[in-house]
Amino acid sequence: MTAKRRLPVYRERVIRSELSVAAPAAVAHAVLTDITAWKLWSPHIARVDTAEERIEAAGWTGLVKPWFGPATRMEVTWCEPGRGIRWTSTAAGHRLDYADLITPDGPDGCTVTMTATVSGPAGAVVQQLAGPLSAYGQRRRLTRLGALAEYLHRRTIVFAA
């Protein structure tokens, strides 16, 4: 008789990751909002179809195509320079709400926090099933975003905010 292996259940309602970054908030924000930089820190993205290469304000929209699955429309609902973005997407009758927030920690550092929630007919179930993999991907993207911001800051590469 073999025991069935069960995947851990992600019990949090909000998937949340946080990272201290040794770069100014403006640099982290510039990396976050530069669409061409997304493939460097969010490698699951195959392409982004949008008219603008940078997110500068609420109202930005783009069709984001991952390497797996269908493309989804991303709509930025809030953007503040040096502070991050909030955005939404819909899939299979569910709404996904994301926040990529930046908190300045002095002139040469910041904290980046990413959150994701799912709402809809089976939002709680979807979040429990997808939570572990989504949380892993979120931490991976956050680590890469932080590393890229730190690299640019250490090299004093000016990245227009």
Protein backbone atom coordinates (compact mmCIF):
# COMPACT_ATOMS: atom_id res chain seq x y z
CA MET A 1 0.00 0.00 0.00
CA THR A 2 1.38 3.40 -0.96
CA ALA A 3 0.56 6.58 0.86
CA LYS A 4 -0.87 9.42 -1.21
CA ARG A 5 1.29 12.48 -1.16
CA ARG A 6 -0.73 15.64 -0.57
CA LEU A 7 0.34 19.06 -1.68
CA PRO A 8 0.41 21.67 1.07
CA VAL A 9 -2.64 23.90 1.15
CA TYR A 10 -1.93 27.61 0.91
CA ARG A 11 -4.13 28.97 3.67
CA GLU A 12 -3.51 32.69 3.25
CA ARG A 13 -6.17 34.84 1.54
CA VAL A 14 -3.50 37.17 0.19
CA ILE A 15 -0.32 35.90 -1.40
CA ARG A 16 2.34 38.30 -0.10
CA SER A 17 6.10 38.61 -0.45
CA GLU A 18 8.42 41.35 0.75
CA LEU A 19 12.07 42.15 0.07
CA SER A 20 14.54 44.80 1.27
CA VAL A 21 16.37 46.22 -1.73
CA ALA A 22 19.68 48.10 -1.60
CA ALA A 23 18.60 50.64 -4.19
CA PRO A 24 16.56 53.84 -4.05
CA ALA A 25 12.79 53.56 -4.41
CA ALA A 26 12.97 55.48 -7.71
CA VAL A 27 15.27 52.84 -9.22
CA ALA A 28 13.07 49.94 -8.06
CA HIS A 29 10.02 51.77 -9.43
CA ALA A 30 11.75 52.36 -12.78
CA VAL A 31 12.54 48.63 -13.10
CA LEU A 32 8.99 47.71 -12.10
CA THR A 33 7.35 50.03 -14.62
CA ASP A 34 9.69 49.52 -17.60
CA ILE A 35 7.92 46.95 -19.78
CA THR A 36 11.13 46.05 -21.66
CA ALA A 37 12.77 45.10 -18.33
CA TRP A 38 9.99 42.64 -17.40
CA LYS A 39 11.61 39.70 -19.20
CA LEU A 40 14.71 40.21 -17.02
CA TRP A 41 12.87 39.84 -13.72
CA SER A 42 9.63 38.12 -14.75
CA PRO A 43 10.85 35.41 -17.15
CA HIS A 44 7.46 33.70 -17.50
CA ILE A 45 6.37 36.56 -19.76
CA ALA A 46 6.71 35.75 -23.45
CA ARG A 47 5.44 39.11 -24.71
CA VAL A 48 3.48 42.23 -23.80
CA ASP A 49 1.34 43.97 -26.39
CA THR A 50 0.95 47.64 -25.46
CA ALA A 51 1.33 51.06 -27.01
CA GLU A 52 3.53 52.32 -24.15
CA GLU A 53 6.87 50.91 -23.01
CA ARG A 54 6.57 52.38 -19.52
CA ILE A 55 3.77 52.51 -16.98
CA GLU A 56 3.45 56.14 -15.96
CA ALA A 57 -0.11 56.40 -14.65
CA ALA A 58 -3.31 54.57 -13.83
CA GLY A 59 -5.14 53.55 -16.99
CA TRP A 60 -2.18 51.77 -18.64
CA THR A 61 -3.31 48.51 -20.24
CA GLY A 62 -1.47 45.71 -21.93
CA LEU A 63 -2.09 42.18 -23.16
CA VAL A 64 0.38 39.99 -21.26
CA LYS A 65 1.19 36.56 -22.77
CA PRO A 66 3.01 34.08 -20.53
CA TRP A 67 4.97 31.14 -21.95
CA PHE A 68 2.12 28.97 -20.66
CA GLY A 69 -1.59 29.65 -20.92
CA PRO A 70 -3.60 32.37 -22.58
CA ALA A 71 -2.84 36.07 -22.71
CA THR A 72 -4.67 38.25 -20.19
CA ARG A 73 -5.35 41.98 -20.14
CA MET A 74 -3.52 43.84 -17.38
CA GLU A 75 -4.99 47.16 -16.27
CA VAL A 76 -3.09 49.49 -13.94
CA THR A 77 -5.49 51.05 -11.43
CA TRP A 78 -2.92 53.10 -9.46
CA CYS A 79 0.62 54.29 -10.10
CA GLU A 80 2.72 56.70 -8.10
CA PRO A 81 6.37 57.43 -8.97
CA GLY A 82 8.71 55.78 -6.50
CA ARG A 83 5.79 54.03 -4.74
CA GLY A 84 4.68 51.26 -7.13
CA ILE A 85 1.58 50.12 -8.97
CA ARG A 86 -1.71 48.32 -8.39
CA TRP A 87 -3.24 46.37 -11.24
CA THR A 88 -5.99 43.92 -12.13
CA SER A 89 -6.55 41.13 -14.56
CA THR A 90 -9.44 38.74 -15.21
CA ALA A 91 -9.41 35.08 -16.15
CA ALA A 92 -12.11 32.40 -16.24
CA GLY A 93 -14.65 34.62 -14.50
CA HIS A 94 -12.26 35.56 -11.70
CA ARG A 95 -10.66 38.90 -10.88
CA LEU A 96 -7.02 39.00 -9.86
CA ASP A 97 -5.87 42.05 -7.90
CA TYR A 98 -2.17 42.75 -7.58
CA ALA A 99 -0.14 45.35 -5.73
CA ASP A 100 3.57 45.92 -6.29
CA LEU A 101 4.34 48.53 -3.63
CA ILE A 102 7.60 50.29 -2.82
CA THR A 103 8.41 51.86 0.54
CA PRO A 104 11.50 54.09 0.68
CA ASP A 105 14.05 53.14 3.38
CA GLY A 106 16.34 56.15 3.18
CA PRO A 107 18.17 57.46 0.13
CA ASP A 108 19.76 54.15 -0.90
CA GLY A 109 17.21 51.51 0.01
CA CYS A 110 13.59 50.47 -0.17
CA THR A 111 11.24 47.62 0.61
CA VAL A 112 9.26 46.09 -2.24
CA THR A 113 6.07 44.23 -1.35
CA MET A 114 4.06 42.17 -3.83
CA THR A 115 0.54 40.95 -3.08
CA ALA A 116 -2.03 39.00 -5.08
CA THR A 117 -5.66 38.11 -4.36
CA VAL A 118 -8.29 36.23 -6.35
CA SER A 119 -12.01 36.89 -6.21
CA GLY A 120 -14.86 35.29 -8.10
CA PRO A 121 -17.20 32.30 -7.94
CA ALA A 122 -14.47 29.94 -6.74
CA GLY A 123 -11.85 32.51 -5.71
CA ALA A 124 -11.03 30.91 -2.37
CA VAL A 125 -10.63 27.47 -3.97
CA VAL A 126 -8.55 28.83 -6.85
CA GLN A 127 -6.32 30.67 -4.41
CA GLN A 128 -5.84 27.57 -2.26
CA LEU A 129 -4.98 25.40 -5.25
CA ALA A 130 -2.76 27.91 -7.04
CA GLY A 131 -1.37 29.58 -3.91
CA PRO A 132 1.81 27.56 -3.39
CA LEU A 133 2.96 27.84 -7.01
CA SER A 134 1.87 31.48 -7.24
CA ALA A 135 3.71 32.36 -4.01
CA TYR A 136 6.86 30.67 -5.30
CA GLY A 137 6.67 32.60 -8.59
CA GLN A 138 6.02 35.85 -6.74
CA ARG A 139 9.09 35.39 -4.51
CA ARG A 140 11.18 34.51 -7.57
CA ARG A 141 10.05 37.62 -9.47
CA LEU A 142 10.59 39.82 -6.42
CA THR A 143 14.13 38.50 -5.91
CA ARG A 144 14.99 39.14 -9.56
CA LEU A 145 13.44 42.62 -9.55
CA GLY A 146 15.46 43.48 -6.43
CA ALA A 147 18.69 42.12 -7.91
CA LEU A 148 18.22 44.11 -11.12
CA ALA A 149 17.47 47.34 -9.21
CA GLU A 150 20.57 46.80 -7.02
CA TYR A 151 22.73 46.08 -10.07
CA LEU A 152 21.61 49.27 -11.80
CA HIS A 153 22.13 51.29 -8.62
CA ARG A 154 25.62 49.87 -7.94
CA ARG A 155 26.69 50.61 -11.49
CA THR A 156 25.20 54.12 -11.21
CA ILE A 157 23.34 53.44 -14.41
CA VAL A 158 20.75 56.16 -14.73
CA PHE A 159 17.37 54.59 -15.24
CA ALA A 160 14.82 57.29 -16.01
CA ALA A 161 12.00 57.23 -13.50
